[in-house]
């Protein structure tokens, strides 16, 4: 019997990598649902190749056009529109595994739906853990879901934990988690150069091929701050027990330190298909179509402490995690607005942390009692961040280089 897989965010980098891995074993896995925000052309091509039961786009108009084009190609794939449809299909009985790869707050409702329905939840949408970690873990426990993280760092920790470790609970014998960071494209840049870097420069990651938003977060190290919050949620560890170390080669993806002094690390070439294949096949293994790691060719593995002055987003993330409750949802929302403003060339790169700091100083916070409160905090932070961006000086048109 084949395993039905829903790929939410199928046209993004993680979604496309997931489909590449699924294509390696069509007898074992069947693509049941493909969902995307707006890339109708890529979704059309994916539907024609994988013949899912359902395809979903955010816009009803785009969905209608997709359906017409699929019918013209003789496809039987049905088409739906909107976030509610994605959440409903994530919980559908024909779906066994859900790849939650819709980026940002937009992926929250479908991730929670998959967890509540008891699916194998392959979590690539870190915002679900950052914004609504308590709600996510409650849904996982109540639904009996199997949660496997896809971020290379969290998947590495998952692989290094003892057998039987439970989502959201600290594993026996674990003393500390160490998340590795590549350092991004600006690791060796001067602070002056970084402040006026262009979107093209921020998105030119030296190791990973990622979407534009996550590439900017990697350049500011906010991505690592969000991952710190996510690790705390997924593995039941306090933020004071999670450290970040810069590792430019991106070969060691994370490490777990035990109370006896042992440190276990997961190593692989920097390719998202490896954690995706691990999550799909767990507890077995399957080919991922990746290059195998050659340590002799790699030659050396370097580790550095991150500079908190050059990368203040790390400090903001730790403070949000310390405050807890709705502060992490506010942090994520402020970052999304600031990063989009930078990508739209309305904000300098160096102003991203300033926008986040300004918003975090003004939000009310509070306890995370339900999804409505999370979305209200998200909306408040977006409004405040938009106001701060509008008041900032116009962004410089050119970066000054390294």
Protein backbone atom coordinates (compact mmCIF):
# COMPACT_ATOMS: atom_id res chain seq x y z
CA UNK A 1 0.00 0.00 0.00
CA UNK A 2 1.44 3.36 -1.00
CA UNK A 3 1.86 6.26 1.42
CA UNK A 4 -0.16 9.36 0.53
CA UNK A 5 1.90 12.54 0.85
CA UNK A 6 0.67 16.15 0.89
CA UNK A 7 3.33 18.67 -0.11
CA UNK A 8 2.25 22.08 1.17
CA UNK A 9 4.38 24.77 -0.41
CA UNK A 10 5.23 22.48 -3.32
CA UNK A 11 6.60 25.20 -5.59
CA UNK A 12 9.15 26.51 -3.07
CA UNK A 13 12.67 25.20 -2.63
CA UNK A 14 11.78 22.63 0.06
CA UNK A 15 8.67 21.56 -1.81
CA UNK A 16 10.57 21.02 -5.06
CA UNK A 17 13.27 19.07 -3.21
CA UNK A 18 10.58 16.93 -1.58
CA UNK A 19 9.13 16.02 -4.96
CA UNK A 20 12.60 15.12 -6.23
CA UNK A 21 12.99 12.64 -3.37
CA UNK A 22 9.46 11.27 -3.77
CA UNK A 23 10.16 10.64 -7.45
CA UNK A 24 12.91 8.21 -6.45
CA UNK A 25 10.36 5.76 -5.00
CA UNK A 26 7.01 6.06 -6.78
CA UNK A 27 6.01 2.58 -5.66
CA UNK A 28 6.23 3.49 -1.97
CA UNK A 29 4.99 7.09 -2.07
CA UNK A 30 2.03 8.69 -3.83
CA UNK A 31 1.61 12.45 -4.11
CA UNK A 32 -1.93 13.09 -2.85
CA UNK A 33 -1.99 16.89 -2.49
CA UNK A 34 0.07 19.75 -3.90
CA UNK A 35 -0.47 23.26 -2.54
CA UNK A 36 1.15 26.57 -3.40
CA UNK A 37 0.52 30.25 -2.89
CA UNK A 38 0.75 31.74 -6.37
CA UNK A 39 3.19 29.94 -8.70
CA UNK A 40 0.53 28.47 -10.97
CA UNK A 41 2.92 27.61 -13.80
CA UNK A 42 5.18 25.48 -11.63
CA UNK A 43 2.20 23.88 -9.88
CA UNK A 44 0.71 22.98 -13.27
CA UNK A 45 3.93 21.22 -14.28
CA UNK A 46 4.04 19.37 -10.94
CA UNK A 47 0.43 18.24 -11.32
CA UNK A 48 1.07 16.89 -14.80
CA UNK A 49 4.11 14.98 -13.55
CA UNK A 50 2.77 13.59 -10.26
CA UNK A 51 -1.02 13.48 -10.86
CA UNK A 52 -2.12 14.38 -7.30
CA UNK A 53 -5.73 14.00 -6.20
CA UNK A 54 -5.86 17.70 -5.31
CA UNK A 55 -4.03 20.91 -6.13
CA UNK A 56 -4.58 24.15 -4.21
CA UNK A 57 -3.73 27.78 -4.93
CA UNK A 58 -4.35 30.77 -2.70
CA UNK A 59 -6.35 32.79 -5.24
CA UNK A 60 -9.76 31.48 -6.44
CA UNK A 61 -9.17 33.08 -9.83
CA UNK A 62 -5.79 31.42 -10.23
CA UNK A 63 -7.26 28.11 -9.07
CA UNK A 64 -10.02 28.31 -11.65
CA UNK A 65 -7.50 28.98 -14.41
CA UNK A 66 -5.33 26.09 -13.21
CA UNK A 67 -8.31 23.75 -13.28
CA UNK A 68 -9.14 24.75 -16.85
CA UNK A 69 -5.58 24.14 -17.98
CA UNK A 70 -5.43 20.78 -16.22
CA UNK A 71 -8.66 19.70 -17.88
CA UNK A 72 -7.22 20.76 -21.20
CA UNK A 73 -4.30 18.39 -20.55
CA UNK A 74 -6.64 15.54 -19.62
CA UNK A 75 -5.69 15.64 -15.93
CA UNK A 76 -8.09 14.35 -13.27
CA UNK A 77 -6.54 16.42 -10.49
CA UNK A 78 -9.19 18.43 -8.66
CA UNK A 79 -8.45 22.04 -7.74
CA UNK A 80 -9.35 24.07 -4.65
CA UNK A 81 -8.49 27.55 -3.39
CA UNK A 82 -7.57 29.20 -0.12
CA UNK A 83 -5.96 28.47 3.23
CA UNK A 84 -9.04 26.69 4.58
CA UNK A 85 -8.89 24.19 1.72
CA UNK A 86 -5.21 23.52 2.38
CA UNK A 87 -5.92 22.89 6.07
CA UNK A 88 -8.83 20.58 5.23
CA UNK A 89 -6.75 18.55 2.78
CA UNK A 90 -3.84 18.33 5.23
CA UNK A 91 -6.19 16.45 7.54
CA UNK A 92 -7.77 14.33 4.77
CA UNK A 93 -7.92 10.57 5.23
CA UNK A 94 -6.09 9.95 1.95
CA UNK A 95 -3.04 11.75 3.34
CA UNK A 96 -0.59 9.92 5.60
CA UNK A 97 2.40 12.30 5.59
CA UNK A 98 2.34 16.10 5.37
CA UNK A 99 5.32 18.17 4.29
CA UNK A 100 4.56 21.53 5.90
CA UNK A 101 6.67 23.86 3.77
CA UNK A 102 4.46 26.91 3.30
CA UNK A 103 6.68 29.69 4.57
CA UNK A 104 5.68 32.31 7.09
CA UNK A 105 2.51 32.72 9.11
CA UNK A 106 0.49 31.51 6.11
CA UNK A 107 1.50 27.93 6.89
CA UNK A 108 0.26 27.91 10.48
CA UNK A 109 -3.34 26.72 10.08
CA UNK A 110 -2.52 23.77 7.80
CA UNK A 111 0.36 22.69 10.05
CA UNK A 112 -1.91 22.65 13.10
CA UNK A 113 -4.57 20.77 11.12
CA UNK A 114 -2.10 18.06 10.11
CA UNK A 115 -0.92 17.70 13.71
CA UNK A 116 -4.43 17.49 15.10
CA UNK A 117 -5.30 14.83 12.51
CA UNK A 118 -2.43 12.59 13.65
CA UNK A 119 -0.35 12.73 10.46
CA UNK A 120 3.38 12.28 10.15
CA UNK A 121 4.14 15.99 10.18
CA UNK A 122 7.38 16.82 8.41
CA UNK A 123 7.88 20.34 9.71
CA UNK A 124 9.67 22.77 7.40
CA UNK A 125 7.50 25.72 8.42
CA UNK A 126 9.49 26.94 11.42
CA UNK A 127 7.07 29.79 11.96
CA UNK A 128 4.49 27.32 13.31
CA UNK A 129 6.81 26.45 16.19
CA UNK A 130 7.98 30.04 16.63
CA UNK A 131 4.54 31.69 16.55
CA UNK A 132 2.45 29.04 18.22
CA UNK A 133 4.78 26.48 19.76
CA UNK A 134 2.53 25.60 22.68
CA UNK A 135 -0.47 25.17 20.38
CA UNK A 136 1.53 23.04 17.96
CA UNK A 137 2.83 20.67 20.61
CA UNK A 138 -0.63 20.41 22.16
CA UNK A 139 -2.07 19.46 18.75
CA UNK A 140 0.71 16.90 18.22
CA UNK A 141 0.01 15.25 21.56
CA UNK A 142 -3.78 15.34 21.23
CA UNK A 143 -3.76 14.02 17.67
CA UNK A 144 -1.04 11.43 18.20
CA UNK A 145 0.95 12.97 15.35
CA UNK A 146 4.51 12.00 14.53
CA UNK A 147 6.59 15.17 14.23
CA UNK A 148 9.89 15.12 12.34
CA UNK A 149 11.65 18.44 11.76
CA UNK A 150 13.00 19.20 8.29
CA UNK A 151 15.26 22.20 8.92
CA UNK A 152 18.71 20.69 8.56
CA UNK A 153 19.69 21.83 12.06
CA UNK A 154 16.64 20.41 13.83
CA UNK A 155 16.63 17.26 11.76
CA UNK A 156 20.26 16.77 12.79
CA UNK A 157 19.29 17.09 16.46
CA UNK A 158 16.41 14.65 15.90
CA UNK A 159 18.88 12.14 14.48
CA UNK A 160 21.29 12.59 17.41
CA UNK A 161 18.72 12.20 20.20
CA UNK A 162 18.24 8.84 21.93
CA UNK A 163 15.64 6.42 20.59
CA UNK A 164 12.17 7.07 21.94
CA UNK A 165 12.63 10.82 22.48
CA UNK A 166 9.21 12.48 22.51
CA UNK A 167 8.33 15.76 20.72
CA UNK A 168 8.39 18.74 23.04
CA UNK A 169 10.06 16.88 25.91
CA UNK A 170 13.68 17.04 26.99
CA UNK A 171 15.40 13.75 26.25
CA UNK A 172 17.09 11.94 29.12
CA UNK A 173 20.79 12.68 29.48
CA UNK A 174 20.87 15.70 27.17
CA UNK A 175 22.78 18.66 28.58
CA UNK A 176 22.93 21.12 25.67
CA UNK A 177 22.00 21.61 22.01
CA UNK A 178 24.34 23.34 19.56
CA UNK A 179 22.86 24.78 16.38
CA UNK A 180 25.32 25.50 13.61
CA UNK A 181 25.08 28.58 11.39
CA UNK A 182 26.88 29.06 8.09
CA UNK A 183 27.32 32.75 8.84
CA UNK A 184 25.60 33.63 5.58
CA UNK A 185 27.02 35.79 2.81
CA UNK A 186 28.14 38.58 5.15
CA UNK A 187 30.27 36.57 7.56
CA UNK A 188 33.48 38.39 6.61
CA UNK A 189 32.00 41.74 5.59
CA UNK A 190 32.56 44.95 7.50
CA UNK A 191 29.65 46.37 9.47
CA UNK A 192 29.58 49.38 7.15
CA UNK A 193 29.26 47.20 4.05
CA UNK A 194 26.60 44.99 5.62
CA UNK A 195 24.43 47.97 6.56
CA UNK A 196 23.82 48.92 2.90
CA UNK A 197 23.95 45.48 1.25
CA UNK A 198 21.50 44.89 -1.59
CA UNK A 199 18.82 42.18 -1.77
CA UNK A 200 20.83 40.38 -4.46
CA UNK A 201 23.86 40.29 -2.17
CA UNK A 202 21.84 39.12 0.84
CA UNK A 203 20.26 36.32 -1.19
CA UNK A 204 23.59 35.03 -2.56
CA UNK A 205 24.05 32.34 0.07
CA UNK A 206 27.44 30.61 -0.15
CA UNK A 207 26.21 27.12 0.75
CA UNK A 208 22.44 26.71 0.46
CA UNK A 209 19.86 27.33 -2.27
CA UNK A 210 16.84 28.83 -0.50
CA UNK A 211 13.94 31.20 -1.00
CA UNK A 212 14.54 34.95 -0.77
CA UNK A 213 13.01 35.50 2.65
CA UNK A 214 14.92 32.73 4.39
CA UNK A 215 18.10 33.80 2.57
CA UNK A 216 17.80 37.30 4.04
CA UNK A 217 17.13 35.82 7.49
CA UNK A 218 20.27 33.72 7.07
CA UNK A 219 22.27 36.83 6.19
CA UNK A 220 21.04 38.65 9.34
CA UNK A 221 21.22 35.44 11.47
CA UNK A 222 17.57 35.97 12.35
CA UNK A 223 17.05 32.55 10.80
CA UNK A 224 19.24 31.14 13.54
CA UNK A 225 17.32 33.09 16.16
CA UNK A 226 14.05 31.62 14.92
CA UNK A 227 15.66 28.18 14.88
CA UNK A 228 16.73 28.65 18.50
CA UNK A 229 13.09 29.29 19.46
CA UNK A 230 11.99 26.32 17.36
CA UNK A 231 14.55 24.02 18.99
CA UNK A 232 13.36 25.05 22.43
CA UNK A 233 9.79 24.11 21.46
CA UNK A 234 10.55 20.88 19.60
CA UNK A 235 13.03 19.43 22.09
CA UNK A 236 11.81 20.79 25.43
CA UNK A 237 15.01 22.72 26.19
CA UNK A 238 15.35 26.16 27.74
CA UNK A 239 16.97 28.77 25.50
CA UNK A 240 19.85 29.01 27.96
CA UNK A 241 20.64 25.37 27.11
CA UNK A 242 20.85 26.06 23.37
CA UNK A 243 23.94 27.61 21.84
CA UNK A 244 24.71 28.80 18.32
CA UNK A 245 28.08 28.29 16.66
CA UNK A 246 29.13 29.58 13.24
CA UNK A 247 30.34 26.76 10.99
CA UNK A 248 31.07 28.15 7.50
CA UNK A 249 31.41 24.77 5.76
CA UNK A 250 27.79 23.77 6.59
CA UNK A 251 28.79 20.12 6.97
CA UNK A 252 28.05 19.65 10.69
CA UNK A 253 24.36 20.53 10.89
CA UNK A 254 23.92 20.44 14.67
CA UNK A 255 25.29 18.74 17.77
CA UNK A 256 23.81 17.27 20.95
CA UNK A 257 25.88 17.32 24.14
CA UNK A 258 25.15 14.71 26.82
CA UNK A 259 25.76 14.85 30.56
CA UNK A 260 28.58 12.30 30.28
CA UNK A 261 30.60 14.63 28.04
CA UNK A 262 29.71 12.93 24.75
CA UNK A 263 28.84 15.17 21.82
CA UNK A 264 26.97 13.61 18.89
CA UNK A 265 26.90 15.40 15.55
CA UNK A 266 25.14 14.81 12.24
CA UNK A 267 27.21 15.49 9.13
CA UNK A 268 26.22 15.58 5.47
CA UNK A 269 26.68 17.68 2.37
CA UNK A 270 24.51 20.84 2.47
CA UNK A 271 21.46 19.54 0.60
CA UNK A 272 17.89 19.63 1.90
CA UNK A 273 17.10 16.34 0.21
CA UNK A 274 18.99 14.53 2.99
CA UNK A 275 16.70 15.58 5.90
CA UNK A 276 13.67 15.20 3.63
CA UNK A 277 14.61 11.59 2.80
CA UNK A 278 15.33 10.89 6.46
CA UNK A 279 11.87 12.12 7.46
CA UNK A 280 10.09 10.22 4.69
CA UNK A 281 11.80 6.89 5.40
CA UNK A 282 12.16 7.06 9.21
CA UNK A 283 13.00 4.82 11.00
CA UNK A 284 14.61 3.27 7.91
CA UNK A 285 16.72 5.05 5.30
CA UNK A 286 16.25 5.70 1.60
CA UNK A 287 18.35 7.20 -1.21
CA UNK A 288 18.07 10.98 -1.48
CA UNK A 289 19.86 11.57 -4.78
CA UNK A 290 22.53 13.68 -3.08
CA UNK A 291 26.31 13.81 -3.29
CA UNK A 292 27.98 11.84 -0.54
CA UNK A 293 30.23 13.64 1.92
CA UNK A 294 33.98 13.45 1.31
CA UNK A 295 35.70 14.59 4.52
CA UNK A 296 39.16 14.45 2.96
CA UNK A 297 38.04 16.79 0.21
CA UNK A 298 36.34 19.03 2.77
CA UNK A 299 39.68 19.26 4.51
CA UNK A 300 38.71 21.23 7.60
CA UNK A 301 35.76 22.07 9.82
CA UNK A 302 35.82 25.52 11.43
CA UNK A 303 33.70 26.75 14.35
CA UNK A 304 33.36 30.36 15.49
CA UNK A 305 31.29 32.24 18.03
CA UNK A 306 28.71 34.57 16.38
CA UNK A 307 29.29 38.30 16.88
CA UNK A 308 26.21 39.62 18.74
CA UNK A 309 27.04 43.21 17.83
CA UNK A 310 27.17 42.55 14.10
CA UNK A 311 24.14 40.26 14.23
CA UNK A 312 21.72 41.87 16.74
CA UNK A 313 18.78 39.79 15.48
CA UNK A 314 20.12 36.91 17.57
CA UNK A 315 19.77 39.04 20.69
CA UNK A 316 16.20 40.00 19.81
CA UNK A 317 15.25 36.36 19.27
CA UNK A 318 16.72 35.25 22.59
CA UNK A 319 14.87 38.01 24.40
CA UNK A 320 11.56 37.06 22.74
CA UNK A 321 12.14 33.44 23.71
CA UNK A 322 12.91 34.47 27.29
CA UNK A 323 9.68 36.49 27.52
CA UNK A 324 7.69 33.70 25.89
CA UNK A 325 3.95 33.77 25.26
CA UNK A 326 2.97 35.91 22.29
CA UNK A 327 6.31 37.71 22.03
CA UNK A 328 7.70 35.12 19.60
CA UNK A 329 4.73 35.60 17.27
CA UNK A 330 5.37 39.34 17.36
CA UNK A 331 9.06 38.83 16.61
CA UNK A 332 8.30 36.66 13.61
CA UNK A 333 5.74 39.12 12.22
CA UNK A 334 8.04 42.11 12.62
CA UNK A 335 10.82 40.24 10.86
CA UNK A 336 8.56 39.26 7.94
CA UNK A 337 7.52 42.88 7.39
CA UNK A 338 11.08 44.22 7.70
CA UNK A 339 12.54 41.59 5.37
CA UNK A 340 9.87 42.20 2.74
CA UNK A 341 10.52 45.94 2.93
CA UNK A 342 14.22 45.25 2.37
CA UNK A 343 13.49 42.97 -0.59
CA UNK A 344 11.25 45.72 -2.00
CA UNK A 345 14.17 48.16 -1.58
CA UNK A 346 12.22 50.28 0.90
CA UNK A 347 14.56 49.51 3.81
CA UNK A 348 18.29 49.14 4.22
CA UNK A 349 19.58 45.76 5.37
CA UNK A 350 21.11 47.36 8.45
CA UNK A 351 17.70 48.69 9.49
CA UNK A 352 16.03 45.28 9.73
CA UNK A 353 17.07 44.68 13.38
CA UNK A 354 16.15 48.26 14.29
CA UNK A 355 12.61 47.76 13.01
CA UNK A 356 12.30 44.52 14.98
CA UNK A 357 13.64 46.12 18.16
CA UNK A 358 11.21 49.03 17.85
CA UNK A 359 8.25 46.71 17.44
CA UNK A 360 9.25 44.42 20.30
CA UNK A 361 9.49 47.42 22.63
CA UNK A 362 5.86 48.32 21.87
CA UNK A 363 3.97 45.01 21.70
CA UNK A 364 1.84 43.95 24.63
CA UNK A 365 2.73 40.25 24.71
CA UNK A 366 0.55 38.04 26.87
CA UNK A 367 -0.19 34.35 27.26
CA UNK A 368 -0.73 32.05 24.27
CA UNK A 369 -4.20 30.72 24.98
CA UNK A 370 -5.43 30.05 21.44
CA UNK A 371 -4.95 30.65 17.74
CA UNK A 372 -7.02 33.84 17.81
CA UNK A 373 -4.60 35.45 20.27
CA UNK A 374 -1.62 34.36 18.16
CA UNK A 375 -3.08 35.87 15.00
CA UNK A 376 -4.01 39.06 16.85
CA UNK A 377 -0.42 39.43 18.08
CA UNK A 378 0.80 38.73 14.56
CA UNK A 379 -1.48 41.42 13.14
CA UNK A 380 -0.51 43.98 15.77
CA UNK A 381 3.21 43.45 15.14
CA UNK A 382 2.75 43.70 11.37
CA UNK A 383 0.90 46.98 11.75
CA UNK A 384 3.57 48.40 14.05
CA UNK A 385 6.40 47.20 11.82
CA UNK A 386 4.77 48.75 8.74
CA UNK A 387 4.53 52.05 10.61
CA UNK A 388 8.19 51.90 11.61
CA UNK A 389 9.28 51.05 8.05
CA UNK A 390 7.29 53.99 6.68
CA UNK A 391 9.12 56.35 9.04
CA UNK A 392 12.63 55.09 8.19
CA UNK A 393 14.83 57.02 5.74
CA UNK A 394 14.65 55.83 2.13
CA UNK A 395 16.85 52.83 1.39
CA UNK A 396 20.09 53.36 -0.48
CA UNK A 397 19.90 52.11 -4.04
CA UNK A 398 23.28 50.38 -4.11
CA UNK A 399 25.30 48.25 -1.74
CA UNK A 400 28.94 49.14 -1.21
CA UNK A 401 30.20 45.58 -1.50
CA UNK A 402 32.42 43.51 0.73
